[in-house]
Amino acid sequence: MEIQNNNNLNDFNELEDLRRQINELKNKVDQQGHLNEALVKKAIQGKMRSLHHTLFWYCLILGLFVPMIIWNFIQSGYSWAFIIFTILFFAASFTAEYFINRMNIQHMSDDLVETARKLLQMKKNRKTQLTVGFCAVAIWIPWYFYEIYKATASQIEPESISLYLTFIIIGMIIGGAIGLAIGLNMYRRMQRANDEMIEQINDFTREQ
């Protein structure tokens, strides 16, 4: 009987030891999972913070030039309808940038699945903004040329108007190409940043 009790005691000790090892392993796995999640959240917050800084400087620099552009239009005698349209276009662009990219960095990683959904929606909204922006510019450019022609027709001799407009068109093409390149480059950078953040979240959730 004593031998049987000793065997039962040994079995019990082995069982407790096995249970303890399993719990230690589970705790280690859980701790590793929390560590990976923290690293993913930190990386996402860093990317979003960098994106916000880029947008801040872009909007700040562009915002400094907008009043100069509007003042030049007023001094050149352009129609108030065109000036108001230009002001509304810039105002709508700045407003859209704010609402599209306004995700709170401190709380964006509380729920990674929800964060991924918001990042995907951000991508879609940014694409819509680009499409609407191109449509607005398609209206603005010919209207701008008309305002230039109307403002200069009474100030420049008729034979010089074509030469003057040619220089304006060349300048607009060069300036437009530079602006388009900068804008599309920023658009691609922001979309790529979104893709990287979404991919990081998807990779992490697949491992869980």
Protein backbone atom coordinates (compact mmCIF):
# COMPACT_ATOMS: atom_id res chain seq x y z
CA MET A 1 0.00 0.00 0.00
CA GLU A 2 2.81 2.38 0.84
CA ILE A 3 4.47 1.70 -2.51
CA GLN A 4 1.21 2.46 -4.31
CA ASN A 5 0.83 5.73 -2.42
CA ASN A 6 4.37 6.69 -3.37
CA ASN A 7 3.63 5.94 -7.02
CA ASN A 8 0.47 8.03 -6.88
CA LEU A 9 2.42 10.85 -5.28
CA ASN A 10 5.07 10.66 -7.99
CA ASP A 11 2.40 10.68 -10.69
CA PHE A 12 0.79 13.70 -9.07
CA ASN A 13 4.14 15.54 -8.87
CA GLU A 14 4.88 14.75 -12.50
CA LEU A 15 1.44 15.98 -13.50
CA GLU A 16 1.90 19.21 -11.56
CA ASP A 17 5.35 19.67 -13.08
CA LEU A 18 3.93 19.14 -16.58
CA ARG A 19 1.09 21.59 -15.86
CA ARG A 20 3.64 24.16 -14.64
CA GLN A 21 5.76 23.74 -17.80
CA ILE A 22 2.69 24.13 -20.01
CA ASN A 23 1.67 27.31 -18.16
CA GLU A 24 5.19 28.73 -18.47
CA LEU A 25 5.22 27.97 -22.18
CA LYS A 26 1.76 29.55 -22.61
CA ASN A 27 2.85 32.66 -20.72
CA LYS A 28 5.96 32.92 -22.87
CA VAL A 29 3.91 32.62 -26.08
CA ASP A 30 1.41 35.19 -24.82
CA GLN A 31 4.23 37.54 -23.87
CA GLN A 32 5.84 37.12 -27.28
CA GLY A 33 2.49 37.82 -28.92
CA HIS A 34 2.03 41.02 -26.92
CA LEU A 35 5.57 42.05 -27.82
CA ASN A 36 4.95 41.52 -31.53
CA GLU A 37 1.68 43.43 -31.31
CA ALA A 38 3.40 46.32 -29.55
CA LEU A 39 6.08 46.43 -32.26
CA VAL A 40 3.45 46.44 -35.02
CA LYS A 41 1.51 49.23 -33.29
CA LYS A 42 4.68 51.27 -32.81
CA ALA A 43 5.66 50.86 -36.48
CA ILE A 44 2.18 51.90 -37.66
CA GLN A 45 2.15 54.95 -35.40
CA GLY A 46 5.60 55.94 -36.70
CA LYS A 47 4.50 55.73 -40.32
CA MET A 48 1.34 57.72 -39.65
CA ARG A 49 3.28 60.35 -37.72
CA SER A 50 5.70 60.70 -40.66
CA LEU A 51 2.75 60.99 -43.04
CA HIS A 52 1.19 63.74 -40.93
CA HIS A 53 4.48 65.68 -40.85
CA THR A 54 4.81 65.48 -44.64
CA LEU A 55 1.24 66.71 -45.14
CA PHE A 56 1.74 69.50 -42.61
CA TRP A 57 4.73 70.96 -44.45
CA TYR A 58 3.08 70.47 -47.84
CA CYS A 59 -0.06 72.33 -46.75
CA LEU A 60 1.98 75.01 -44.98
CA ILE A 61 4.13 75.78 -48.04
CA LEU A 62 1.16 75.69 -50.39
CA GLY A 63 -0.88 77.78 -47.95
CA LEU A 64 1.77 80.51 -48.02
CA PHE A 65 1.53 80.77 -51.81
CA VAL A 66 -2.27 80.75 -52.05
CA PRO A 67 -2.78 84.34 -50.76
CA MET A 68 -0.09 85.56 -53.20
CA ILE A 69 -1.83 83.78 -56.07
CA ILE A 70 -5.24 85.21 -55.15
CA TRP A 71 -3.77 88.71 -54.75
CA ASN A 72 -2.16 88.45 -58.19
CA PHE A 73 -5.48 87.41 -59.71
CA ILE A 74 -7.21 90.41 -58.12
CA GLN A 75 -4.52 92.83 -59.31
CA SER A 76 -4.68 91.37 -62.83
CA GLY A 77 -8.39 92.12 -63.04
CA TYR A 78 -9.64 88.54 -63.26
CA SER A 79 -13.35 87.97 -62.73
CA TRP A 80 -14.58 87.46 -59.18
CA ALA A 81 -16.31 84.26 -60.27
CA PHE A 82 -12.93 82.79 -61.24
CA ILE A 83 -11.26 84.08 -58.07
CA ILE A 84 -14.01 82.64 -55.84
CA PHE A 85 -13.81 79.31 -57.71
CA THR A 86 -10.04 79.23 -57.10
CA ILE A 87 -10.45 80.04 -53.40
CA LEU A 88 -13.10 77.33 -53.01
CA PHE A 89 -10.89 74.84 -54.85
CA PHE A 90 -7.94 75.42 -52.52
CA ALA A 91 -10.20 75.47 -49.44
CA ALA A 92 -11.81 72.19 -50.48
CA SER A 93 -8.38 70.63 -51.08
CA PHE A 94 -7.09 71.62 -47.64
CA THR A 95 -10.32 70.47 -45.97
CA ALA A 96 -10.23 67.12 -47.77
CA GLU A 97 -6.60 66.57 -46.77
CA TYR A 98 -7.51 67.18 -43.14
CA PHE A 99 -10.54 64.89 -43.01
CA ILE A 100 -8.93 62.10 -45.04
CA ASN A 101 -5.76 61.95 -42.94
CA ARG A 102 -7.08 62.96 -39.51
CA MET A 103 -6.66 59.52 -37.87
CA ASN A 104 -5.63 59.94 -34.22
CA ILE A 105 -2.10 58.56 -33.86
CA GLN A 106 -2.43 57.86 -30.13
CA HIS A 107 -5.56 55.70 -30.47
CA MET A 108 -5.21 54.29 -33.98
CA SER A 109 -3.65 51.06 -32.70
CA ASP A 110 -6.21 50.24 -29.98
CA ASP A 111 -7.92 47.88 -32.42
CA LEU A 112 -5.68 46.78 -35.30
CA VAL A 113 -8.54 45.35 -37.35
CA GLU A 114 -10.45 48.64 -37.10
CA THR A 115 -7.23 50.52 -37.89
CA ALA A 116 -6.77 48.45 -41.06
CA ARG A 117 -10.35 49.24 -42.10
CA LYS A 118 -9.79 52.96 -41.58
CA LEU A 119 -6.51 52.86 -43.51
CA LEU A 120 -8.24 51.13 -46.41
CA GLN A 121 -11.01 53.74 -46.36
CA MET A 122 -8.33 56.44 -46.28
CA LYS A 123 -6.85 55.02 -49.48
CA LYS A 124 -10.26 55.02 -51.21
CA ASN A 125 -11.02 58.58 -50.08
CA ARG A 126 -7.64 59.79 -51.29
CA LYS A 127 -8.24 58.23 -54.71
CA THR A 128 -11.65 59.92 -54.90
CA GLN A 129 -10.04 63.23 -53.94
CA LEU A 130 -7.51 62.84 -56.76
CA THR A 131 -10.26 62.15 -59.30
CA VAL A 132 -12.34 65.14 -58.19
CA GLY A 133 -9.20 67.30 -58.17
CA PHE A 134 -8.39 66.40 -61.78
CA CYS A 135 -11.97 67.29 -62.81
CA ALA A 136 -11.71 70.67 -61.04
CA VAL A 137 -8.34 71.41 -62.65
CA ALA A 138 -9.78 70.50 -66.07
CA ILE A 139 -12.29 73.31 -65.53
CA TRP A 140 -9.81 75.72 -63.93
CA ILE A 141 -7.08 75.65 -66.62
CA PRO A 142 -9.15 76.77 -69.67
CA TRP A 143 -10.96 79.27 -67.46
CA TYR A 144 -7.57 80.65 -66.37
CA PHE A 145 -6.43 81.06 -69.97
CA TYR A 146 -9.67 82.87 -70.76
CA GLU A 147 -9.12 85.25 -67.82
CA ILE A 148 -5.58 85.96 -69.04
CA TYR A 149 -6.79 86.69 -72.56
CA LYS A 150 -9.62 88.89 -71.33
CA ALA A 151 -7.33 90.84 -68.98
CA THR A 152 -4.60 91.42 -71.56
CA ALA A 153 -6.75 92.02 -74.65
CA SER A 154 -7.29 95.66 -73.75
CA GLN A 155 -3.70 96.27 -72.63
CA ILE A 156 -1.61 94.63 -75.35
CA GLU A 157 -1.64 95.25 -79.07
CA PRO A 158 -3.60 92.60 -80.99
CA GLU A 159 -0.53 91.36 -82.87
CA SER A 160 1.34 90.81 -79.59
CA ILE A 161 -1.41 88.90 -77.81
CA SER A 162 -0.64 85.57 -79.50
CA LEU A 163 3.05 85.83 -78.60
CA TYR A 164 2.21 86.80 -75.02
CA LEU A 165 -0.25 83.92 -74.64
CA THR A 166 2.33 81.53 -76.11
CA PHE A 167 4.78 82.43 -73.35
CA ILE A 168 2.02 82.07 -70.76
CA ILE A 169 1.05 78.66 -72.11
CA ILE A 170 4.67 77.45 -72.11
CA GLY A 171 5.09 78.68 -68.53
CA MET A 172 1.86 76.99 -67.49
CA ILE A 173 2.90 73.71 -69.10
CA ILE A 174 6.26 73.74 -67.33
CA GLY A 175 4.76 74.80 -64.01
CA GLY A 176 1.88 72.36 -64.38
CA ALA A 177 4.24 69.47 -65.17
CA ILE A 178 6.34 70.25 -62.10
CA GLY A 179 3.27 70.60 -59.90
CA LEU A 180 1.75 67.41 -61.29
CA ALA A 181 4.97 65.47 -60.69
CA ILE A 182 5.18 66.71 -57.09
CA GLY A 183 1.50 66.03 -56.43
CA LEU A 184 1.51 62.52 -57.93
CA ASN A 185 4.74 61.66 -56.12
CA MET A 186 3.19 62.69 -52.80
CA TYR A 187 0.00 60.79 -53.65
CA ARG A 188 1.96 57.62 -54.41
CA ARG A 189 4.03 58.00 -51.23
CA MET A 190 0.92 58.34 -49.07
CA GLN A 191 -0.82 55.40 -50.76
CA ARG A 192 2.32 53.28 -50.40
CA ALA A 193 2.53 54.18 -46.69
CA ASN A 194 -1.08 53.06 -46.28
CA ASP A 195 -0.34 49.78 -48.10
CA GLU A 196 2.65 49.10 -45.85
CA MET A 197 0.64 49.72 -42.68
CA ILE A 198 -2.24 47.52 -43.87
CA GLU A 199 0.20 44.77 -44.86
CA GLN A 200 1.86 44.88 -41.43
CA ILE A 201 -1.50 44.50 -39.71
CA ASN A 202 -2.57 41.65 -42.02
CA ASP A 203 0.71 39.79 -41.47
CA PHE A 204 0.32 40.12 -37.70
CA THR A 205 -3.34 39.02 -37.63
CA ARG A 206 -2.57 35.99 -39.82
CA GLU A 207 0.00 34.83 -37.26
CA GLN A 208 -2.55 34.95 -34.43
